[in-house]
Amino acid sequence: MTKNYRRCISCRRLSLKTDFLRVVRVYPAQTITLNQGAGRSAYLCPDASCLQSAQKKNRLARCLKAAIPESIYTALWQQINQREFAGQEALATHPSESWQNG
């Protein structure tokens, strides 16, 4: 079974589909949603610099061939901030094992 690889529309990094944030123009309603629905999709790294670049250069709108509501960008920023906060929290609660072995 082959893996599902996708490319970030901002930095062009190739990775597994599950590693990205997915923005979808749902067919036939032509509405824009996050991570759900069938239709034209665009993938972004869960990284602030990628989202900032994509927003500045209007890459989501060009890839999806539709206007992107500000609420979608707000939701994407919230998801990125939550992931970064969760990552920092995990580092703080789980010390590295290297100090225990040395």
PDB file of N, CA and C in Angstrom:
ATOM      1  N   MET A   1       0.845  -1.184   0.000  1.00  0.00           N
ATOM      2  CA  MET A   1       0.000   0.000   0.000  1.00  0.00           C
ATOM      3  C   MET A   1       0.891   1.248   0.000  1.00  0.00           C
ATOM      4  N   THR A   2       0.632   2.172  -0.895  1.00  0.00           N
ATOM      5  CA  THR A   2       1.439   3.382  -0.980  1.00  0.00           C
ATOM      6  C   THR A   2       0.925   4.436  -0.011  1.00  0.00           C
ATOM      7  N   LYS A   3       1.835   5.265   0.437  1.00  0.00           N
ATOM      8  CA  LYS A   3       1.483   6.352   1.340  1.00  0.00           C
ATOM      9  C   LYS A   3       0.886   7.510   0.543  1.00  0.00           C
ATOM     10  N   ASN A   4       0.070   8.296   1.218  1.00  0.00           N
ATOM     11  CA  ASN A   4      -0.536   9.470   0.603  1.00  0.00           C
ATOM     12  C   ASN A   4       0.319  10.693   0.883  1.00  0.00           C
ATOM     13  N   TYR A   5       1.111  11.100  -0.097  1.00  0.00           N
ATOM     14  CA  TYR A   5       1.968  12.258   0.050  1.00  0.00           C
ATOM     15  C   TYR A   5       1.314  13.476  -0.590  1.00  0.00           C
ATOM     16  N   ARG A   6       1.553  14.630   0.034  1.00  0.00           N
ATOM     17  CA  ARG A   6       1.052  15.899  -0.494  1.00  0.00           C
ATOM     18  C   ARG A   6       2.179  16.922  -0.392  1.00  0.00           C
ATOM     19  N   ARG A   7       1.978  18.083  -1.014  1.00  0.00           N
ATOM     20  CA  ARG A   7       2.983  19.139  -1.015  1.00  0.00           C
ATOM     21  C   ARG A   7       2.373  20.409  -0.430  1.00  0.00           C
ATOM     22  N   CYS A   8       3.119  21.071   0.434  1.00  0.00           N
ATOM     23  CA  CYS A   8       2.688  22.341   1.022  1.00  0.00           C
ATOM     24  C   CYS A   8       2.649  23.399  -0.084  1.00  0.00           C
ATOM     25  N   ILE A   9       1.584  24.187  -0.119  1.00  0.00           N
ATOM     26  CA  ILE A   9       1.457  25.208  -1.160  1.00  0.00           C
ATOM     27  C   ILE A   9       2.370  26.399  -0.912  1.00  0.00           C
ATOM     28  N   SER A  10       2.931  26.497   0.270  1.00  0.00           N
ATOM     29  CA  SER A  10       3.784  27.620   0.598  1.00  0.00           C
ATOM     30  C   SER A  10       5.268  27.292   0.441  1.00  0.00           C
ATOM     31  N   CYS A  11       5.765  26.306   1.187  1.00  0.00           N
ATOM     32  CA  CYS A  11       7.198  25.993   1.155  1.00  0.00           C
ATOM     33  C   CYS A  11       7.538  24.853   0.208  1.00  0.00           C
ATOM     34  N   ARG A  12       6.529  24.191  -0.351  1.00  0.00           N
ATOM     35  CA  ARG A  12       6.684  23.101  -1.318  1.00  0.00           C
ATOM     36  C   ARG A  12       7.272  21.830  -0.703  1.00  0.00           C
ATOM     37  N   ARG A  13       7.228  21.706   0.640  1.00  0.00           N
ATOM     38  CA  ARG A  13       7.726  20.508   1.311  1.00  0.00           C
ATOM     39  C   ARG A  13       6.800  19.341   1.012  1.00  0.00           C
ATOM     40  N   LEU A  14       7.361  18.180   0.738  1.00  0.00           N
ATOM     41  CA  LEU A  14       6.600  16.975   0.462  1.00  0.00           C
ATOM     42  C   LEU A  14       6.563  16.134   1.728  1.00  0.00           C
ATOM     43  N   SER A  15       5.358  15.708   2.136  1.00  0.00           N
ATOM     44  CA  SER A  15       5.213  14.918   3.347  1.00  0.00           C
ATOM     45  C   SER A  15       3.896  14.153   3.296  1.00  0.00           C
ATOM     46  N   LEU A  16       3.674  13.353   4.324  1.00  0.00           N
ATOM     47  CA  LEU A  16       2.422  12.616   4.413  1.00  0.00           C
ATOM     48  C   LEU A  16       1.240  13.562   4.550  1.00  0.00           C
ATOM     49  N   LYS A  17       0.138  13.171   4.011  1.00  0.00           N
ATOM     50  CA  LYS A  17      -1.087  13.976   4.037  1.00  0.00           C
ATOM     51  C   LYS A  17      -1.494  14.349   5.461  1.00  0.00           C
ATOM     52  N   THR A  18      -1.269  13.446   6.397  1.00  0.00           N
ATOM     53  CA  THR A  18      -1.677  13.679   7.785  1.00  0.00           C
ATOM     54  C   THR A  18      -0.822  14.722   8.494  1.00  0.00           C
ATOM     55  N   ASP A  19       0.329  15.075   7.922  1.00  0.00           N
ATOM     56  CA  ASP A  19       1.216  16.065   8.528  1.00  0.00           C
ATOM     57  C   ASP A  19       0.788  17.502   8.230  1.00  0.00           C
ATOM     58  N   PHE A  20      -0.171  17.677   7.343  1.00  0.00           N
ATOM     59  CA  PHE A  20      -0.557  19.007   6.881  1.00  0.00           C
ATOM     60  C   PHE A  20      -1.930  19.435   7.390  1.00  0.00           C
ATOM     61  N   LEU A  21      -2.173  20.740   7.292  1.00  0.00           N
ATOM     62  CA  LEU A  21      -3.508  21.296   7.474  1.00  0.00           C
ATOM     63  C   LEU A  21      -4.168  21.287   6.102  1.00  0.00           C
ATOM     64  N   ARG A  22      -5.428  20.885   6.043  1.00  0.00           N
ATOM     65  CA  ARG A  22      -6.129  20.755   4.762  1.00  0.00           C
ATOM     66  C   ARG A  22      -7.236  21.797   4.675  1.00  0.00           C
ATOM     67  N   VAL A  23      -7.244  22.542   3.582  1.00  0.00           N
ATOM     68  CA  VAL A  23      -8.298  23.521   3.296  1.00  0.00           C
ATOM     69  C   VAL A  23      -9.006  23.027   2.046  1.00  0.00           C
ATOM     70  N   VAL A  24     -10.348  22.971   2.101  1.00  0.00           N
ATOM     71  CA  VAL A  24     -11.123  22.343   1.031  1.00  0.00           C
ATOM     72  C   VAL A  24     -12.168  23.299   0.479  1.00  0.00           C
ATOM     73  N   ARG A  25     -12.261  23.356  -0.837  1.00  0.00           N
ATOM     74  CA  ARG A  25     -13.404  23.992  -1.499  1.00  0.00           C
ATOM     75  C   ARG A  25     -14.371  22.854  -1.804  1.00  0.00           C
ATOM     76  N   VAL A  26     -15.438  22.780  -1.034  1.00  0.00           N
ATOM     77  CA  VAL A  26     -16.381  21.665  -1.096  1.00  0.00           C
ATOM     78  C   VAL A  26     -17.196  21.734  -2.383  1.00  0.00           C
ATOM     79  N   TYR A  27     -17.343  20.588  -3.011  1.00  0.00           N
ATOM     80  CA  TYR A  27     -18.138  20.466  -4.229  1.00  0.00           C
ATOM     81  C   TYR A  27     -19.480  19.863  -3.871  1.00  0.00           C
ATOM     82  N   PRO A  28     -20.583  20.293  -4.364  1.00  0.00           N
ATOM     83  CA  PRO A  28     -20.866  21.385  -5.298  1.00  0.00           C
ATOM     84  C   PRO A  28     -21.206  22.698  -4.615  1.00  0.00           C
ATOM     85  N   ALA A  29     -21.163  22.746  -3.292  1.00  0.00           N
ATOM     86  CA  ALA A  29     -21.575  23.951  -2.572  1.00  0.00           C
ATOM     87  C   ALA A  29     -20.625  25.131  -2.770  1.00  0.00           C
ATOM     88  N   GLN A  30     -19.352  24.868  -3.146  1.00  0.00           N
ATOM     89  CA  GLN A  30     -18.351  25.906  -3.354  1.00  0.00           C
ATOM     90  C   GLN A  30     -18.033  26.684  -2.083  1.00  0.00           C
ATOM     91  N   THR A  31     -18.219  26.058  -0.924  1.00  0.00           N
ATOM     92  CA  THR A  31     -17.852  26.682   0.340  1.00  0.00           C
ATOM     93  C   THR A  31     -16.453  26.219   0.734  1.00  0.00           C
ATOM     94  N   ILE A  32     -15.784  27.011   1.567  1.00  0.00           N
ATOM     95  CA  ILE A  32     -14.438  26.691   2.014  1.00  0.00           C
ATOM     96  C   ILE A  32     -14.521  26.160   3.443  1.00  0.00           C
ATOM     97  N   THR A  33     -13.917  24.987   3.677  1.00  0.00           N
ATOM     98  CA  THR A  33     -13.912  24.381   5.013  1.00  0.00           C
ATOM     99  C   THR A  33     -12.501  23.893   5.338  1.00  0.00           C
ATOM    100  N   LEU A  34     -12.326  23.494   6.586  1.00  0.00           N
ATOM    101  CA  LEU A  34     -11.055  22.930   7.033  1.00  0.00           C
ATOM    102  C   LEU A  34     -11.215  21.451   7.325  1.00  0.00           C
ATOM    103  N   ASN A  35     -10.348  20.643   6.750  1.00  0.00           N
ATOM    104  CA  ASN A  35     -10.211  19.212   7.068  1.00  0.00           C
ATOM    105  C   ASN A  35     -11.450  18.357   6.869  1.00  0.00           C
ATOM    106  N   GLN A  36     -12.419  18.816   6.115  1.00  0.00           N
ATOM    107  CA  GLN A  36     -13.600  17.978   5.904  1.00  0.00           C
ATOM    108  C   GLN A  36     -14.230  18.268   4.555  1.00  0.00           C
ATOM    109  N   GLY A  37     -14.847  17.261   3.999  1.00  0.00           N
ATOM    110  CA  GLY A  37     -15.550  17.415   2.739  1.00  0.00           C
ATOM    111  C   GLY A  37     -14.732  16.932   1.558  1.00  0.00           C
ATOM    112  N   ALA A  38     -15.429  16.754   0.450  1.00  0.00           N
ATOM    113  CA  ALA A  38     -14.793  16.318  -0.784  1.00  0.00           C
ATOM    114  C   ALA A  38     -14.784  17.475  -1.765  1.00  0.00           C
ATOM    115  N   GLY A  39     -13.702  17.617  -2.468  1.00  0.00           N
ATOM    116  CA  GLY A  39     -13.571  18.688  -3.443  1.00  0.00           C
ATOM    117  C   GLY A  39     -12.118  19.037  -3.643  1.00  0.00           C
ATOM    118  N   ARG A  40     -11.865  20.219  -4.152  1.00  0.00           N
ATOM    119  CA  ARG A  40     -10.494  20.676  -4.397  1.00  0.00           C
ATOM    120  C   ARG A  40      -9.845  21.008  -3.054  1.00  0.00           C
ATOM    121  N   SER A  41      -8.635  20.485  -2.832  1.00  0.00           N
ATOM    122  CA  SER A  41      -7.941  20.677  -1.558  1.00  0.00           C
ATOM    123  C   SER A  41      -6.596  21.363  -1.753  1.00  0.00           C
ATOM    124  N   ALA A  42      -6.184  22.072  -0.708  1.00  0.00           N
ATOM    125  CA  ALA A  42      -4.852  22.664  -0.633  1.00  0.00           C
ATOM    126  C   ALA A  42      -4.286  22.296   0.732  1.00  0.00           C
ATOM    127  N   TYR A  43      -2.989  22.040   0.781  1.00  0.00           N
ATOM    128  CA  TYR A  43      -2.346  21.590   2.010  1.00  0.00           C
ATOM    129  C   TYR A  43      -1.282  22.583   2.448  1.00  0.00           C
ATOM    130  N   LEU A  44      -1.239  22.820   3.767  1.00  0.00           N
ATOM    131  CA  LEU A  44      -0.280  23.744   4.363  1.00  0.00           C
ATOM    132  C   LEU A  44       0.437  23.074   5.518  1.00  0.00           C
ATOM    133  N   CYS A  45       1.730  23.357   5.663  1.00  0.00           N
ATOM    134  CA  CYS A  45       2.460  22.899   6.846  1.00  0.00           C
ATOM    135  C   CYS A  45       1.851  23.578   8.075  1.00  0.00           C
ATOM    136  N   PRO A  46       1.828  22.890   9.202  1.00  0.00           N
ATOM    137  CA  PRO A  46       1.329  23.535  10.423  1.00  0.00           C
ATOM    138  C   PRO A  46       2.399  24.431  11.035  1.00  0.00           C
ATOM    139  N   ASP A  47       2.855  25.386  10.258  1.00  0.00           N
ATOM    140  CA  ASP A  47       3.940  26.265  10.644  1.00  0.00           C
ATOM    141  C   ASP A  47       3.516  27.703  10.375  1.00  0.00           C
ATOM    142  N   ALA A  48       3.817  28.590  11.299  1.00  0.00           N
ATOM    143  CA  ALA A  48       3.389  29.981  11.174  1.00  0.00           C
ATOM    144  C   ALA A  48       3.981  30.650   9.940  1.00  0.00           C
ATOM    145  N   SER A  49       5.221  30.354   9.605  1.00  0.00           N
ATOM    146  CA  SER A  49       5.843  31.005   8.451  1.00  0.00           C
ATOM    147  C   SER A  49       5.176  30.584   7.142  1.00  0.00           C
ATOM    148  N   CYS A  50       4.761  29.331   7.047  1.00  0.00           N
ATOM    149  CA  CYS A  50       4.074  28.866   5.831  1.00  0.00           C
ATOM    150  C   CYS A  50       2.714  29.532   5.688  1.00  0.00           C
ATOM    151  N   LEU A  51       1.969  29.612   6.778  1.00  0.00           N
ATOM    152  CA  LEU A  51       0.656  30.253   6.707  1.00  0.00           C
ATOM    153  C   LEU A  51       0.795  31.735   6.413  1.00  0.00           C
ATOM    154  N   GLN A  52       1.768  32.386   7.021  1.00  0.00           N
ATOM    155  CA  GLN A  52       1.973  33.808   6.782  1.00  0.00           C
ATOM    156  C   GLN A  52       2.306  34.073   5.314  1.00  0.00           C
ATOM    157  N   SER A  53       3.176  33.253   4.753  1.00  0.00           N
ATOM    158  CA  SER A  53       3.538  33.404   3.345  1.00  0.00           C
ATOM    159  C   SER A  53       2.355  33.122   2.432  1.00  0.00           C
ATOM    160  N   ALA A  54       1.600  32.081   2.730  1.00  0.00           N
ATOM    161  CA  ALA A  54       0.438  31.736   1.914  1.00  0.00           C
ATOM    162  C   ALA A  54      -0.621  32.828   1.959  1.00  0.00           C
ATOM    163  N   GLN A  55      -0.805  33.423   3.128  1.00  0.00           N
ATOM    164  CA  GLN A  55      -1.801  34.483   3.274  1.00  0.00           C
ATOM    165  C   GLN A  55      -1.335  35.749   2.550  1.00  0.00           C
ATOM    166  N   LYS A  56      -0.071  36.085   2.692  1.00  0.00           N
ATOM    167  CA  LYS A  56       0.471  37.291   2.069  1.00  0.00           C
ATOM    168  C   LYS A  56       0.422  37.210   0.541  1.00  0.00           C
ATOM    169  N   LYS A  57       0.731  36.036  -0.001  1.00  0.00           N
ATOM    170  CA  LYS A  57       0.784  35.868  -1.454  1.00  0.00           C
ATOM    171  C   LYS A  57      -0.510  35.320  -2.047  1.00  0.00           C
ATOM    172  N   ASN A  58      -1.542  35.185  -1.214  1.00  0.00           N
ATOM    173  CA  ASN A  58      -2.871  34.745  -1.646  1.00  0.00           C
ATOM    174  C   ASN A  58      -2.830  33.363  -2.318  1.00  0.00           C
ATOM    175  N   ARG A  59      -1.996  32.481  -1.802  1.00  0.00           N
ATOM    176  CA  ARG A  59      -1.817  31.169  -2.423  1.00  0.00           C
ATOM    177  C   ARG A  59      -3.031  30.251  -2.253  1.00  0.00           C
ATOM    178  N   LEU A  60      -3.711  30.332  -1.125  1.00  0.00           N
ATOM    179  CA  LEU A  60      -4.898  29.486  -0.933  1.00  0.00           C
ATOM    180  C   LEU A  60      -5.963  29.819  -1.968  1.00  0.00           C
ATOM    181  N   ALA A  61      -6.213  31.083  -2.167  1.00  0.00           N
ATOM    182  CA  ALA A  61      -7.243  31.496  -3.133  1.00  0.00           C
ATOM    183  C   ALA A  61      -6.889  31.043  -4.541  1.00  0.00           C
ATOM    184  N   ARG A  62      -5.610  31.139  -4.897  1.00  0.00           N
ATOM    185  CA  ARG A  62      -5.201  30.712  -6.235  1.00  0.00           C
ATOM    186  C   ARG A  62      -5.294  29.201  -6.402  1.00  0.00           C
ATOM    187  N   CYS A  63      -4.909  28.454  -5.376  1.00  0.00           N
ATOM    188  CA  CYS A  63      -4.967  26.984  -5.476  1.00  0.00           C
ATOM    189  C   CYS A  63      -6.406  26.474  -5.517  1.00  0.00           C
ATOM    190  N   LEU A  64      -7.251  27.069  -4.702  1.00  0.00           N
ATOM    191  CA  LEU A  64      -8.633  26.607  -4.611  1.00  0.00           C
ATOM    192  C   LEU A  64      -9.546  27.286  -5.626  1.00  0.00           C
ATOM    193  N   LYS A  65      -9.032  28.302  -6.295  1.00  0.00           N
ATOM    194  CA  LYS A  65      -9.807  29.055  -7.283  1.00  0.00           C
ATOM    195  C   LYS A  65     -11.103  29.586  -6.684  1.00  0.00           C
ATOM    196  N   ALA A  66     -10.959  30.171  -5.477  1.00  0.00           N
ATOM    197  CA  ALA A  66     -12.101  30.740  -4.757  1.00  0.00           C
ATOM    198  C   ALA A  66     -11.588  31.757  -3.748  1.00  0.00           C
ATOM    199  N   ALA A  67     -12.448  32.680  -3.368  1.00  0.00           N
ATOM    200  CA  ALA A  67     -12.097  33.651  -2.333  1.00  0.00           C
ATOM    201  C   ALA A  67     -12.079  32.951  -0.977  1.00  0.00           C
ATOM    202  N   ILE A  68     -11.080  33.265  -0.163  1.00  0.00           N
ATOM    203  CA  ILE A  68     -10.936  32.636   1.144  1.00  0.00           C
ATOM    204  C   ILE A  68     -11.441  33.607   2.209  1.00  0.00           C
ATOM    205  N   PRO A  69     -12.467  33.204   2.985  1.00  0.00           N
ATOM    206  CA  PRO A  69     -12.977  34.079   4.036  1.00  0.00           C
ATOM    207  C   PRO A  69     -11.942  34.279   5.142  1.00  0.00           C
ATOM    208  N   GLU A  70     -11.988  35.413   5.778  1.00  0.00           N
ATOM    209  CA  GLU A  70     -11.062  35.717   6.873  1.00  0.00           C
ATOM    210  C   GLU A  70     -11.217  34.713   8.024  1.00  0.00           C
ATOM    211  N   SER A  71     -12.406  34.159   8.195  1.00  0.00           N
ATOM    212  CA  SER A  71     -12.642  33.184   9.270  1.00  0.00           C
ATOM    213  C   SER A  71     -11.801  31.918   9.072  1.00  0.00           C
ATOM    214  N   ILE A  72     -11.507  31.561   7.838  1.00  0.00           N
ATOM    215  CA  ILE A  72     -10.661  30.391   7.560  1.00  0.00           C
ATOM    216  C   ILE A  72      -9.238  30.670   8.016  1.00  0.00           C
ATOM    217  N   TYR A  73      -8.725  31.859   7.703  1.00  0.00           N
ATOM    218  CA  TYR A  73      -7.377  32.214   8.147  1.00  0.00           C
ATOM    219  C   TYR A  73      -7.306  32.267   9.674  1.00  0.00           C
ATOM    220  N   THR A  74      -8.339  32.790  10.304  1.00  0.00           N
ATOM    221  CA  THR A  74      -8.382  32.841  11.767  1.00  0.00           C
ATOM    222  C   THR A  74      -8.341  31.437  12.354  1.00  0.00           C
ATOM    223  N   ALA A  75      -9.118  30.520  11.789  1.00  0.00           N
ATOM    224  CA  ALA A  75      -9.137  29.136  12.276  1.00  0.00           C
ATOM    225  C   ALA A  75      -7.789  28.462  12.049  1.00  0.00           C
ATOM    226  N   LEU A  76      -7.136  28.729  10.925  1.00  0.00           N
ATOM    227  CA  LEU A  76      -5.811  28.154  10.669  1.00  0.00           C
ATOM    228  C   LEU A  76      -4.783  28.666  11.669  1.00  0.00           C
ATOM    229  N   TRP A  77      -4.805  29.975  11.960  1.00  0.00           N
ATOM    230  CA  TRP A  77      -3.887  30.530  12.957  1.00  0.00           C
ATOM    231  C   TRP A  77      -4.127  29.904  14.323  1.00  0.00           C
ATOM    232  N   GLN A  78      -5.388  29.692  14.676  1.00  0.00           N
ATOM    233  CA  GLN A  78      -5.699  29.061  15.964  1.00  0.00           C
ATOM    234  C   GLN A  78      -5.159  27.638  16.022  1.00  0.00           C
ATOM    235  N   GLN A  79      -5.305  26.873  14.948  1.00  0.00           N
ATOM    236  CA  GLN A  79      -4.791  25.504  14.920  1.00  0.00           C
ATOM    237  C   GLN A  79      -3.272  25.477  15.049  1.00  0.00           C
ATOM    238  N   ILE A  80      -2.604  26.387  14.373  1.00  0.00           N
ATOM    239  CA  ILE A  80      -1.141  26.441  14.462  1.00  0.00           C
ATOM    240  C   ILE A  80      -0.702  26.819  15.870  1.00  0.00           C
ATOM    241  N   ASN A  81      -1.363  27.798  16.461  1.00  0.00           N
ATOM    242  CA  ASN A  81      -1.018  28.203  17.825  1.00  0.00           C
ATOM    243  C   ASN A  81      -1.272  27.083  18.819  1.00  0.00           C
ATOM    244  N   GLN A  82      -2.345  26.330  18.650  1.00  0.00           N
ATOM    245  CA  GLN A  82      -2.630  25.198  19.536  1.00  0.00           C
ATOM    246  C   GLN A  82      -1.566  24.123  19.405  1.00  0.00           C
ATOM    247  N   ARG A  83      -1.130  23.837  18.184  1.00  0.00           N
ATOM    248  CA  ARG A  83      -0.088  22.817  17.968  1.00  0.00           C
ATOM    249  C   ARG A  83       1.231  23.254  18.586  1.00  0.00           C
ATOM    250  N   GLU A  84       1.578  24.528  18.419  1.00  0.00           N
ATOM    251  CA  GLU A  84       2.823  25.022  19.001  1.00  0.00           C
ATOM    252  C   GLU A  84       2.757  24.994  20.520  1.00  0.00           C
ATOM    253  N   PHE A  85       1.619  25.373  21.089  1.00  0.00           N
ATOM    254  CA  PHE A  85       1.450  25.361  22.537  1.00  0.00           C
ATOM    255  C   PHE A  85       1.523  23.933  23.071  1.00  0.00           C
ATOM    256  N   ALA A  86       0.888  22.993  22.357  1.00  0.00           N
ATOM    257  CA  ALA A  86       0.922  21.592  22.783  1.00  0.00           C
ATOM    258  C   ALA A  86       2.346  21.041  22.710  1.00  0.00           C
ATOM    259  N   GLY A  87       3.099  21.441  21.705  1.00  0.00           N
ATOM    260  CA  GLY A  87       4.479  20.999  21.571  1.00  0.00           C
ATOM    261  C   GLY A  87       5.355  21.542  22.680  1.00  0.00           C
ATOM    262  N   GLN A  88       5.161  22.805  23.048  1.00  0.00           N
ATOM    263  CA  GLN A  88       5.931  23.398  24.139  1.00  0.00           C
ATOM    264  C   GLN A  88       5.560  22.764  25.465  1.00  0.00           C
ATOM    265  N   GLU A  89       4.277  22.474  25.639  1.00  0.00           N
ATOM    266  CA  GLU A  89       3.809  21.850  26.869  1.00  0.00           C
ATOM    267  C   GLU A  89       4.385  20.439  27.008  1.00  0.00           C
ATOM    268  N   ALA A  90       4.451  19.709  25.901  1.00  0.00           N
ATOM    269  CA  ALA A  90       4.999  18.355  25.931  1.00  0.00           C
ATOM    270  C   ALA A  90       6.478  18.382  26.302  1.00  0.00           C
ATOM    271  N   LEU A  91       7.211  19.362  25.798  1.00  0.00           N
ATOM    272  CA  LEU A  91       8.624  19.474  26.140  1.00  0.00           C
ATOM    273  C   LEU A  91       8.813  19.796  27.615  1.00  0.00           C
ATOM    274  N   ALA A  92       7.929  20.627  28.162  1.00  0.00           N
ATOM    275  CA  ALA A  92       8.044  21.019  29.561  1.00  0.00           C
ATOM    276  C   ALA A  92       7.671  19.881  30.509  1.00  0.00           C
ATOM    277  N   THR A  93       6.715  19.043  30.134  1.00  0.00           N
ATOM    278  CA  THR A  93       6.267  17.978  31.029  1.00  0.00           C
ATOM    279  C   THR A  93       7.045  16.686  30.855  1.00  0.00           C
ATOM    280  N   HIS A  94       7.733  16.504  29.734  1.00  0.00           N
ATOM    281  CA  HIS A  94       8.495  15.287  29.467  1.00  0.00           C
ATOM    282  C   HIS A  94       9.959  15.643  29.250  1.00  0.00           C
ATOM    283  N   PRO A  95      10.759  15.657  30.312  1.00  0.00           N
ATOM    284  CA  PRO A  95      12.173  16.000  30.132  1.00  0.00           C
ATOM    285  C   PRO A  95      12.868  14.966  29.257  1.00  0.00           C
ATOM    286  N   SER A  96      13.912  15.390  28.600  1.00  0.00           N
ATOM    287  CA  SER A  96      14.626  14.468  27.724  1.00  0.00           C
ATOM    288  C   SER A  96      15.286  13.369  28.555  1.00  0.00           C
ATOM    289  N   GLU A  97      15.422  12.223  27.925  1.00  0.00           N
ATOM    290  CA  GLU A  97      15.985  11.072  28.626  1.00  0.00           C
ATOM    291  C   GLU A  97      17.506  11.119  28.657  1.00  0.00           C
ATOM    292  N   SER A  98      18.104  12.042  27.908  1.00  0.00           N
ATOM    293  CA  SER A  98      19.566  12.073  27.823  1.00  0.00           C
ATOM    294  C   SER A  98      20.208  12.404  29.168  1.00  0.00           C
ATOM    295  N   TRP A  99      19.583  13.236  29.996  1.00  0.00           N
ATOM    296  CA  TRP A  99      20.167  13.557  31.291  1.00  0.00           C
ATOM    297  C   TRP A  99      20.065  12.398  32.261  1.00  0.00           C
ATOM    298  N   GLN A 100      19.091  11.492  32.039  1.00  0.00           N
ATOM    299  CA  GLN A 100      18.933  10.341  32.927  1.00  0.00           C
ATOM    300  C   GLN A 100      19.990   9.279  32.635  1.00  0.00           C
ATOM    301  N   ASN A 101      20.416   9.168  31.402  1.00  0.00           N
ATOM    302  CA  ASN A 101      21.357   8.123  31.001  1.00  0.00           C
ATOM    303  C   ASN A 101      22.811   8.551  31.220  1.00  0.00           C
ATOM    304  N   GLY A 102      23.044   9.822  31.394  1.00  0.00           N
ATOM    305  CA  GLY A 102      24.428  10.291  31.471  1.00  0.00           C
ATOM    306  C   GLY A 102      24.797  10.672  32.799  1.00  0.00           C
TER     307      GLY A 102
END
